[in-house]
């Protein structure tokens, strides 16, 4: 191989490496965003039933229905 071919091959390898790093960074960014979305979903799922359960208990037991607000 001559010097020109070696230089061209080196540049091609360098470019391929840069592309691979860019793709890996994009995939990691998407996974980070997906992880944040999953955490929000889990948080909503864990707080939702508790709030809904409180409302159901209040409706079933009549809590708050017999409050004397007139004194």
PDB file of N, CA and C in Angstrom:
ATOM      1  N   UNK A   1       0.837  -1.175   0.000  1.00  0.00           N
ATOM      2  CA  UNK A   1       0.000   0.000   0.000  1.00  0.00           C
ATOM      3  C   UNK A   1       0.885   1.242   0.000  1.00  0.00           C
ATOM      4  N   UNK A   2       0.406   2.201  -0.660  1.00  0.00           N
ATOM      5  CA  UNK A   2       1.169   3.441  -0.666  1.00  0.00           C
ATOM      6  C   UNK A   2       0.609   4.403   0.375  1.00  0.00           C
ATOM      7  N   UNK A   3       1.235   5.525   0.515  1.00  0.00           N
ATOM      8  CA  UNK A   3       0.892   6.499   1.541  1.00  0.00           C
ATOM      9  C   UNK A   3      -0.503   7.095   1.333  1.00  0.00           C
ATOM     10  N   UNK A   4      -0.884   7.348   0.098  1.00  0.00           N
ATOM     11  CA  UNK A   4      -2.184   7.945  -0.197  1.00  0.00           C
ATOM     12  C   UNK A   4      -3.313   6.993   0.188  1.00  0.00           C
ATOM     13  N   UNK A   5      -3.170   5.733  -0.161  1.00  0.00           N
ATOM     14  CA  UNK A   5      -4.187   4.734   0.179  1.00  0.00           C
ATOM     15  C   UNK A   5      -4.328   4.606   1.692  1.00  0.00           C
ATOM     16  N   UNK A   6      -3.211   4.615   2.390  1.00  0.00           N
ATOM     17  CA  UNK A   6      -3.250   4.532   3.853  1.00  0.00           C
ATOM     18  C   UNK A   6      -3.965   5.741   4.451  1.00  0.00           C
ATOM     19  N   UNK A   7      -3.695   6.924   3.927  1.00  0.00           N
ATOM     20  CA  UNK A   7      -4.339   8.130   4.432  1.00  0.00           C
ATOM     21  C   UNK A   7      -5.849   8.100   4.171  1.00  0.00           C
ATOM     22  N   UNK A   8      -6.238   7.640   2.993  1.00  0.00           N
ATOM     23  CA  UNK A   8      -7.660   7.550   2.653  1.00  0.00           C
ATOM     24  C   UNK A   8      -8.353   6.540   3.556  1.00  0.00           C
ATOM     25  N   UNK A   9      -7.730   5.388   3.768  1.00  0.00           N
ATOM     26  CA  UNK A   9      -8.300   4.361   4.637  1.00  0.00           C
ATOM     27  C   UNK A   9      -8.433   4.878   6.076  1.00  0.00           C
ATOM     28  N   UNK A  10      -7.454   5.624   6.534  1.00  0.00           N
ATOM     29  CA  UNK A  10      -7.494   6.185   7.876  1.00  0.00           C
ATOM     30  C   UNK A  10      -8.664   7.164   8.012  1.00  0.00           C
ATOM     31  N   UNK A  11      -8.841   8.031   7.039  1.00  0.00           N
ATOM     32  CA  UNK A  11      -9.936   8.996   7.068  1.00  0.00           C
ATOM     33  C   UNK A  11     -11.297   8.302   7.022  1.00  0.00           C
ATOM     34  N   UNK A  12     -11.404   7.231   6.228  1.00  0.00           N
ATOM     35  CA  UNK A  12     -12.654   6.491   6.158  1.00  0.00           C
ATOM     36  C   UNK A  12     -12.967   5.844   7.511  1.00  0.00           C
ATOM     37  N   UNK A  13     -11.958   5.283   8.144  1.00  0.00           N
ATOM     38  CA  UNK A  13     -12.149   4.677   9.460  1.00  0.00           C
ATOM     39  C   UNK A  13     -12.523   5.730  10.496  1.00  0.00           C
ATOM     40  N   UNK A  14     -11.907   6.892  10.393  1.00  0.00           N
ATOM     41  CA  UNK A  14     -12.210   7.987  11.319  1.00  0.00           C
ATOM     42  C   UNK A  14     -13.658   8.447  11.143  1.00  0.00           C
ATOM     43  N   UNK A  15     -14.101   8.582   9.917  1.00  0.00           N
ATOM     44  CA  UNK A  15     -15.475   8.994   9.644  1.00  0.00           C
ATOM     45  C   UNK A  15     -16.469   7.947  10.134  1.00  0.00           C
ATOM     46  N   UNK A  16     -16.173   6.686   9.876  1.00  0.00           N
ATOM     47  CA  UNK A  16     -17.054   5.612  10.339  1.00  0.00           C
ATOM     48  C   UNK A  16     -17.161   5.622  11.864  1.00  0.00           C
ATOM     49  N   UNK A  17     -16.054   5.875  12.532  1.00  0.00           N
ATOM     50  CA  UNK A  17     -16.057   5.946  13.991  1.00  0.00           C
ATOM     51  C   UNK A  17     -16.912   7.108  14.483  1.00  0.00           C
ATOM     52  N   UNK A  18     -16.810   8.255  13.841  1.00  0.00           N
ATOM     53  CA  UNK A  18     -17.616   9.413  14.233  1.00  0.00           C
ATOM     54  C   UNK A  18     -19.108   9.140  14.053  1.00  0.00           C
ATOM     55  N   UNK A  19     -19.447   8.468  12.956  1.00  0.00           N
ATOM     56  CA  UNK A  19     -20.847   8.128  12.705  1.00  0.00           C
ATOM     57  C   UNK A  19     -21.355   7.172  13.776  1.00  0.00           C
ATOM     58  N   UNK A  20     -20.538   6.172  14.125  1.00  0.00           N
ATOM     59  CA  UNK A  20     -20.949   5.213  15.147  1.00  0.00           C
ATOM     60  C   UNK A  20     -21.144   5.899  16.500  1.00  0.00           C
ATOM     61  N   UNK A  21     -20.269   6.834  16.850  1.00  0.00           N
ATOM     62  CA  UNK A  21     -20.426   7.563  18.103  1.00  0.00           C
ATOM     63  C   UNK A  21     -21.698   8.412  18.084  1.00  0.00           C
ATOM     64  N   UNK A  22     -21.977   9.037  16.965  1.00  0.00           N
ATOM     65  CA  UNK A  22     -23.176   9.862  16.860  1.00  0.00           C
ATOM     66  C   UNK A  22     -24.442   9.021  16.990  1.00  0.00           C
ATOM     67  N   UNK A  23     -24.447   7.857  16.364  1.00  0.00           N
ATOM     68  CA  UNK A  23     -25.594   6.955  16.461  1.00  0.00           C
ATOM     69  C   UNK A  23     -25.760   6.461  17.888  1.00  0.00           C
ATOM     70  N   UNK A  24     -24.670   6.083  18.533  1.00  0.00           N
ATOM     71  CA  UNK A  24     -24.729   5.618  19.919  1.00  0.00           C
ATOM     72  C   UNK A  24     -25.239   6.716  20.846  1.00  0.00           C
ATOM     73  N   UNK A  25     -24.795   7.943  20.630  1.00  0.00           N
ATOM     74  CA  UNK A  25     -25.255   9.061  21.458  1.00  0.00           C
ATOM     75  C   UNK A  25     -26.748   9.295  21.262  1.00  0.00           C
ATOM     76  N   UNK A  26     -27.222   9.193  20.032  1.00  0.00           N
ATOM     77  CA  UNK A  26     -28.648   9.384  19.748  1.00  0.00           C
ATOM     78  C   UNK A  26     -29.476   8.290  20.414  1.00  0.00           C
ATOM     79  N   UNK A  27     -29.007   7.060  20.359  1.00  0.00           N
ATOM     80  CA  UNK A  27     -29.729   5.951  20.981  1.00  0.00           C
ATOM     81  C   UNK A  27     -29.775   6.129  22.489  1.00  0.00           C
ATOM     82  N   UNK A  28     -28.658   6.548  23.083  1.00  0.00           N
ATOM     83  CA  UNK A  28     -28.633   6.754  24.531  1.00  0.00           C
ATOM     84  C   UNK A  28     -29.552   7.895  24.937  1.00  0.00           C
ATOM     85  N   UNK A  29     -29.639   8.938  24.122  1.00  0.00           N
ATOM     86  CA  UNK A  29     -30.531  10.057  24.420  1.00  0.00           C
ATOM     87  C   UNK A  29     -31.986   9.603  24.356  1.00  0.00           C
ATOM     88  N   UNK A  30     -32.314   8.797  23.373  1.00  0.00           N
ATOM     89  CA  UNK A  30     -33.679   8.287  23.255  1.00  0.00           C
ATOM     90  C   UNK A  30     -34.019   7.383  24.435  1.00  0.00           C
ATOM     91  N   UNK A  31     -33.054   6.565  24.875  1.00  0.00           N
ATOM     92  CA  UNK A  31     -33.292   5.688  26.015  1.00  0.00           C
ATOM     93  C   UNK A  31     -33.472   6.503  27.291  1.00  0.00           C
ATOM     94  N   UNK A  32     -32.727   7.593  27.413  1.00  0.00           N
ATOM     95  CA  UNK A  32     -32.876   8.466  28.578  1.00  0.00           C
ATOM     96  C   UNK A  32     -34.271   9.082  28.593  1.00  0.00           C
ATOM     97  N   UNK A  33     -34.735   9.557  27.446  1.00  0.00           N
ATOM     98  CA  UNK A  33     -36.070  10.148  27.357  1.00  0.00           C
ATOM     99  C   UNK A  33     -37.144   9.105  27.640  1.00  0.00           C
ATOM    100  N   UNK A  34     -36.936   7.893  27.139  1.00  0.00           N
ATOM    101  CA  UNK A  34     -37.904   6.825  27.370  1.00  0.00           C
ATOM    102  C   UNK A  34     -37.935   6.460  28.852  1.00  0.00           C
ATOM    103  N   UNK A  35     -36.765   6.432  29.474  1.00  0.00           N
ATOM    104  CA  UNK A  35     -36.706   6.132  30.903  1.00  0.00           C
ATOM    105  C   UNK A  35     -37.422   7.184  31.725  1.00  0.00           C
ATOM    106  N   UNK A  36     -37.263   8.441  31.363  1.00  0.00           N
ATOM    107  CA  UNK A  36     -37.964   9.513  32.069  1.00  0.00           C
ATOM    108  C   UNK A  36     -39.471   9.375  31.882  1.00  0.00           C
ATOM    109  N   UNK A  37     -39.890   9.004  30.698  1.00  0.00           N
ATOM    110  CA  UNK A  37     -41.320   8.816  30.440  1.00  0.00           C
ATOM    111  C   UNK A  37     -41.870   7.649  31.248  1.00  0.00           C
ATOM    112  N   UNK A  38     -41.107   6.587  31.344  1.00  0.00           N
ATOM    113  CA  UNK A  38     -41.541   5.424  32.124  1.00  0.00           C
ATOM    114  C   UNK A  38     -41.651   5.794  33.600  1.00  0.00           C
ATOM    115  N   UNK A  39     -40.702   6.574  34.103  1.00  0.00           N
ATOM    116  CA  UNK A  39     -40.776   7.003  35.504  1.00  0.00           C
ATOM    117  C   UNK A  39     -42.009   7.859  35.761  1.00  0.00           C
ATOM    118  N   UNK A  40     -42.324   8.751  34.832  1.00  0.00           N
ATOM    119  CA  UNK A  40     -43.533   9.565  34.979  1.00  0.00           C
ATOM    120  C   UNK A  40     -44.782   8.686  34.959  1.00  0.00           C
ATOM    121  N   UNK A  41     -44.786   7.701  34.083  1.00  0.00           N
ATOM    122  CA  UNK A  41     -45.926   6.795  33.994  1.00  0.00           C
ATOM    123  C   UNK A  41     -46.087   5.997  35.280  1.00  0.00           C
ATOM    124  N   UNK A  42     -44.975   5.494  35.812  1.00  0.00           N
ATOM    125  CA  UNK A  42     -45.031   4.743  37.071  1.00  0.00           C
ATOM    126  C   UNK A  42     -45.491   5.630  38.222  1.00  0.00           C
ATOM    127  N   UNK A  43     -45.020   6.848  38.253  1.00  0.00           N
ATOM    128  CA  UNK A  43     -45.431   7.775  39.299  1.00  0.00           C
ATOM    129  C   UNK A  43     -46.931   8.053  39.204  1.00  0.00           C
ATOM    130  N   UNK A  44     -47.416   8.280  37.998  1.00  0.00           N
ATOM    131  CA  UNK A  44     -48.844   8.529  37.811  1.00  0.00           C
ATOM    132  C   UNK A  44     -49.663   7.298  38.185  1.00  0.00           C
ATOM    133  N   UNK A  45     -49.147   6.124  37.854  1.00  0.00           N
ATOM    134  CA  UNK A  45     -49.871   4.896  38.169  1.00  0.00           C
ATOM    135  C   UNK A  45     -49.905   4.639  39.673  1.00  0.00           C
ATOM    136  N   UNK A  46     -48.851   5.025  40.371  1.00  0.00           N
ATOM    137  CA  UNK A  46     -48.821   4.759  41.810  1.00  0.00           C
ATOM    138  C   UNK A  46     -49.630   5.782  42.600  1.00  0.00           C
ATOM    139  N   UNK A  47     -49.727   7.008  42.137  1.00  0.00           N
ATOM    140  CA  UNK A  47     -50.507   8.014  42.855  1.00  0.00           C
ATOM    141  C   UNK A  47     -51.967   8.013  42.424  1.00  0.00           C
ATOM    142  N   UNK A  48     -52.247   7.575  41.224  1.00  0.00           N
ATOM    143  CA  UNK A  48     -53.625   7.564  40.725  1.00  0.00           C
ATOM    144  C   UNK A  48     -54.557   6.680  41.544  1.00  0.00           C
ATOM    145  N   UNK A  49     -54.225   5.417  41.784  1.00  0.00           N
ATOM    146  CA  UNK A  49     -55.131   4.554  42.554  1.00  0.00           C
ATOM    147  C   UNK A  49     -55.341   5.042  43.986  1.00  0.00           C
ATOM    148  N   UNK A  50     -54.331   5.631  44.587  1.00  0.00           N
ATOM    149  CA  UNK A  50     -54.488   6.120  45.957  1.00  0.00           C
ATOM    150  C   UNK A  50     -55.526   7.235  45.999  1.00  0.00           C
ATOM    151  N   UNK A  51     -55.439   8.163  45.061  1.00  0.00           N
ATOM    152  CA  UNK A  51     -56.417   9.253  45.018  1.00  0.00           C
ATOM    153  C   UNK A  51     -57.802   8.725  44.667  1.00  0.00           C
ATOM    154  N   UNK A  52     -57.850   7.819  43.709  1.00  0.00           N
ATOM    155  CA  UNK A  52     -59.137   7.243  43.321  1.00  0.00           C
ATOM    156  C   UNK A  52     -59.714   6.429  44.470  1.00  0.00           C
ATOM    157  N   UNK A  53     -58.869   5.721  45.198  1.00  0.00           N
ATOM    158  CA  UNK A  53     -59.330   4.928  46.336  1.00  0.00           C
ATOM    159  C   UNK A  53     -59.905   5.805  47.425  1.00  0.00           C
ATOM    160  N   UNK A  54     -59.278   6.946  47.697  1.00  0.00           N
ATOM    161  CA  UNK A  54     -59.800   7.877  48.702  1.00  0.00           C
ATOM    162  C   UNK A  54     -61.183   8.381  48.307  1.00  0.00           C
ATOM    163  N   UNK A  55     -61.348   8.693  47.045  1.00  0.00           N
ATOM    164  CA  UNK A  55     -62.642   9.180  46.571  1.00  0.00           C
ATOM    165  C   UNK A  55     -63.705   8.090  46.676  1.00  0.00           C
ATOM    166  N   UNK A  56     -63.341   6.846  46.369  1.00  0.00           N
ATOM    167  CA  UNK A  56     -64.295   5.747  46.460  1.00  0.00           C
ATOM    168  C   UNK A  56     -64.696   5.482  47.903  1.00  0.00           C
ATOM    169  N   UNK A  57     -63.725   5.522  48.817  1.00  0.00           N
ATOM    170  CA  UNK A  57     -64.026   5.304  50.233  1.00  0.00           C
ATOM    171  C   UNK A  57     -64.941   6.404  50.743  1.00  0.00           C
ATOM    172  N   UNK A  58     -64.667   7.636  50.376  1.00  0.00           N
ATOM    173  CA  UNK A  58     -65.507   8.744  50.806  1.00  0.00           C
ATOM    174  C   UNK A  58     -66.922   8.594  50.262  1.00  0.00           C
ATOM    175  N   UNK A  59     -67.060   8.177  49.034  1.00  0.00           N
ATOM    176  CA  UNK A  59     -68.384   8.005  48.444  1.00  0.00           C
ATOM    177  C   UNK A  59     -69.111   6.829  49.066  1.00  0.00           C
ATOM    178  N   UNK A  60     -68.402   5.741  49.351  1.00  0.00           N
ATOM    179  CA  UNK A  60     -69.039   4.540  49.895  1.00  0.00           C
ATOM    180  C   UNK A  60     -69.455   4.730  51.349  1.00  0.00           C
ATOM    181  N   UNK A  61     -68.675   5.445  52.116  1.00  0.00           N
ATOM    182  CA  UNK A  61     -68.976   5.596  53.541  1.00  0.00           C
ATOM    183  C   UNK A  61     -69.764   6.856  53.836  1.00  0.00           C
ATOM    184  N   UNK A  62     -69.925   7.721  52.892  1.00  0.00           N
ATOM    185  CA  UNK A  62     -70.654   8.953  53.104  1.00  0.00           C
ATOM    186  C   UNK A  62     -69.869   9.988  53.884  1.00  0.00           C
ATOM    187  N   UNK A  63     -68.561   9.855  53.904  1.00  0.00           N
ATOM    188  CA  UNK A  63     -67.744  10.823  54.622  1.00  0.00           C
ATOM    189  C   UNK A  63     -67.939  12.203  54.031  1.00  0.00           C
ATOM    190  N   UNK A  64     -68.153  13.158  54.883  1.00  0.00           N
ATOM    191  CA  UNK A  64     -68.355  14.521  54.421  1.00  0.00           C
ATOM    192  C   UNK A  64     -69.786  14.850  54.105  1.00  0.00           C
ATOM    193  N   UNK A  65     -70.643  13.875  54.196  1.00  0.00           N
ATOM    194  CA  UNK A  65     -72.052  14.110  53.871  1.00  0.00           C
ATOM    195  C   UNK A  65     -72.842  14.698  55.020  1.00  0.00           C
ATOM    196  N   UNK A  66     -72.338  14.587  56.228  1.00  0.00           N
ATOM    197  CA  UNK A  66     -73.095  15.044  57.407  1.00  0.00           C
ATOM    198  C   UNK A  66     -72.360  16.141  58.163  1.00  0.00           C
ATOM    199  N   UNK A  67     -71.770  17.048  57.462  1.00  0.00           N
ATOM    200  CA  UNK A  67     -71.043  18.131  58.108  1.00  0.00           C
ATOM    201  C   UNK A  67     -71.995  19.299  58.344  1.00  0.00           C
ATOM    202  N   UNK A  68     -72.023  19.763  59.591  1.00  0.00           N
ATOM    203  CA  UNK A  68     -72.848  20.908  59.936  1.00  0.00           C
ATOM    204  C   UNK A  68     -72.043  22.177  59.659  1.00  0.00           C
ATOM    205  N   UNK A  69     -72.312  22.805  58.550  1.00  0.00           N
ATOM    206  CA  UNK A  69     -71.545  23.968  58.143  1.00  0.00           C
ATOM    207  C   UNK A  69     -72.193  25.270  58.626  1.00  0.00           C
ATOM    208  N   UNK A  70     -73.389  25.194  59.210  1.00  0.00           N
ATOM    209  CA  UNK A  70     -74.090  26.406  59.622  1.00  0.00           C
ATOM    210  C   UNK A  70     -73.837  26.736  61.094  1.00  0.00           C
ATOM    211  N   UNK A  71     -73.293  25.823  61.873  1.00  0.00           N
ATOM    212  CA  UNK A  71     -72.913  26.086  63.267  1.00  0.00           C
ATOM    213  C   UNK A  71     -74.056  26.106  64.118  1.00  0.00           C
TER     214      UNK A  71
END
